[in-house]
Amino acid sequence: MAKGTRYTPEFRAKAVRLLAESRSSYSSETNAISAVAKDPGIAPESLRRWRNQSDATVAEETRQSAEDAMAEL
């Protein structure tokens, strides 16, 4: 896709999910990111950033859930 293209949150989530599912098929994370990003024309660094953002979101949700569970005790 062209430079400056905006991707929907759904598209980003699907790309990150595909990366997670296909990671074990590649010798390194860099190779997996490059391969997954190539087909739809995503910049590899964009996919890496989306994955990092997704990881941070999951970590925050997990932390919040743990805090909520502790507060209920």
C-alpha atoms as a PDB file:
ATOM      1  CA  MET A   1       0.000   0.000   0.000  1.00  0.00           C
ATOM      2  CA  ALA A   2       1.071   3.586  -0.476  1.00  0.00           C
ATOM      3  CA  LYS A   3       3.080   5.566   2.028  1.00  0.00           C
ATOM      4  CA  GLY A   4       0.853   7.197   4.617  1.00  0.00           C
ATOM      5  CA  THR A   5      -1.907   4.600   4.231  1.00  0.00           C
ATOM      6  CA  ARG A   6      -4.119   4.240   7.266  1.00  0.00           C
ATOM      7  CA  TYR A   7      -5.009   0.730   8.301  1.00  0.00           C
ATOM      8  CA  THR A   8      -8.141  -0.130  10.256  1.00  0.00           C
ATOM      9  CA  PRO A   9      -7.787  -1.529  13.773  1.00  0.00           C
ATOM     10  CA  GLU A  10      -9.306  -4.777  12.494  1.00  0.00           C
ATOM     11  CA  PHE A  11      -6.671  -5.060   9.753  1.00  0.00           C
ATOM     12  CA  ARG A  12      -3.895  -4.408  12.262  1.00  0.00           C
ATOM     13  CA  ALA A  13      -5.270  -6.990  14.697  1.00  0.00           C
ATOM     14  CA  LYS A  14      -5.530  -9.574  11.917  1.00  0.00           C
ATOM     15  CA  ALA A  15      -1.933  -8.940  10.837  1.00  0.00           C
ATOM     16  CA  VAL A  16      -0.680  -9.263  14.427  1.00  0.00           C
ATOM     17  CA  ARG A  17      -2.686 -12.476  14.882  1.00  0.00           C
ATOM     18  CA  LEU A  18      -1.240 -13.897  11.645  1.00  0.00           C
ATOM     19  CA  LEU A  19       2.248 -13.011  12.855  1.00  0.00           C
ATOM     20  CA  ALA A  20       1.677 -14.817  16.154  1.00  0.00           C
ATOM     21  CA  GLU A  21       0.284 -17.883  14.379  1.00  0.00           C
ATOM     22  CA  SER A  22       3.115 -18.120  11.860  1.00  0.00           C
ATOM     23  CA  ARG A  23       6.072 -17.207  14.103  1.00  0.00           C
ATOM     24  CA  SER A  24       7.127 -20.812  14.711  1.00  0.00           C
ATOM     25  CA  SER A  25       7.511 -21.390  10.959  1.00  0.00           C
ATOM     26  CA  TYR A  26      10.463 -18.978  10.718  1.00  0.00           C
ATOM     27  CA  SER A  27      13.987 -19.062  12.086  1.00  0.00           C
ATOM     28  CA  SER A  28      13.692 -15.609  13.638  1.00  0.00           C
ATOM     29  CA  GLU A  29      11.112 -13.036  14.571  1.00  0.00           C
ATOM     30  CA  THR A  30      12.578 -10.655  12.004  1.00  0.00           C
ATOM     31  CA  ASN A  31      12.056 -13.233   9.241  1.00  0.00           C
ATOM     32  CA  ALA A  32       8.481 -13.850  10.385  1.00  0.00           C
ATOM     33  CA  ILE A  33       7.681 -10.133  10.432  1.00  0.00           C
ATOM     34  CA  SER A  34       9.187  -9.630   6.978  1.00  0.00           C
ATOM     35  CA  ALA A  35       7.266 -12.566   5.506  1.00  0.00           C
ATOM     36  CA  VAL A  36       3.904 -11.671   7.053  1.00  0.00           C
ATOM     37  CA  ALA A  37       4.265  -8.000   6.112  1.00  0.00           C
ATOM     38  CA  LYS A  38       5.263  -8.708   2.505  1.00  0.00           C
ATOM     39  CA  ASP A  39       1.999 -10.106   1.105  1.00  0.00           C
ATOM     40  CA  PRO A  40      -0.346  -7.218   2.000  1.00  0.00           C
ATOM     41  CA  GLY A  41       2.427  -4.668   1.467  1.00  0.00           C
ATOM     42  CA  ILE A  42       2.817  -3.577   5.075  1.00  0.00           C
ATOM     43  CA  ALA A  43       6.102  -2.003   6.100  1.00  0.00           C
ATOM     44  CA  PRO A  44       7.799  -4.517   8.410  1.00  0.00           C
ATOM     45  CA  GLU A  45       8.446  -1.808  10.992  1.00  0.00           C
ATOM     46  CA  SER A  46       4.725  -0.990  11.039  1.00  0.00           C
ATOM     47  CA  LEU A  47       3.865  -4.617  11.770  1.00  0.00           C
ATOM     48  CA  ARG A  48       6.529  -4.729  14.489  1.00  0.00           C
ATOM     49  CA  ARG A  49       5.073  -1.571  16.064  1.00  0.00           C
ATOM     50  CA  TRP A  50       1.534  -2.977  15.934  1.00  0.00           C
ATOM     51  CA  ARG A  51       2.733  -6.185  17.602  1.00  0.00           C
ATOM     52  CA  ASN A  52       4.471  -4.175  20.341  1.00  0.00           C
ATOM     53  CA  GLN A  53       1.348  -2.069  20.886  1.00  0.00           C
ATOM     54  CA  SER A  54      -0.772  -5.215  21.062  1.00  0.00           C
ATOM     55  CA  ASP A  55       1.606  -6.757  23.605  1.00  0.00           C
ATOM     56  CA  ALA A  56       1.457  -3.594  25.720  1.00  0.00           C
ATOM     57  CA  THR A  57      -2.346  -3.552  25.591  1.00  0.00           C
ATOM     58  CA  VAL A  58      -2.566  -7.187  26.676  1.00  0.00           C
ATOM     59  CA  ALA A  59      -0.100  -6.562  29.510  1.00  0.00           C
ATOM     60  CA  GLU A  60      -2.105  -3.558  30.720  1.00  0.00           C
ATOM     61  CA  GLU A  61      -5.382  -5.503  30.585  1.00  0.00           C
ATOM     62  CA  THR A  62      -3.793  -8.361  32.529  1.00  0.00           C
ATOM     63  CA  ARG A  63      -2.413  -5.968  35.131  1.00  0.00           C
ATOM     64  CA  GLN A  64      -5.791  -4.264  35.482  1.00  0.00           C
ATOM     65  CA  SER A  65      -7.571  -7.616  35.860  1.00  0.00           C
ATOM     66  CA  ALA A  66      -5.129  -8.656  38.579  1.00  0.00           C
ATOM     67  CA  GLU A  67      -5.640  -5.366  40.405  1.00  0.00           C
ATOM     68  CA  ASP A  68      -9.417  -5.766  40.176  1.00  0.00           C
ATOM     69  CA  ALA A  69      -9.195  -9.317  41.532  1.00  0.00           C
ATOM     70  CA  MET A  70      -7.031  -8.166  44.438  1.00  0.00           C
ATOM     71  CA  ALA A  71      -9.446  -5.332  45.216  1.00  0.00           C
ATOM     72  CA  GLU A  72     -12.316  -7.828  45.463  1.00  0.00           C
ATOM     73  CA  LEU A  73     -10.478  -9.774  48.156  1.00  0.00           C
END
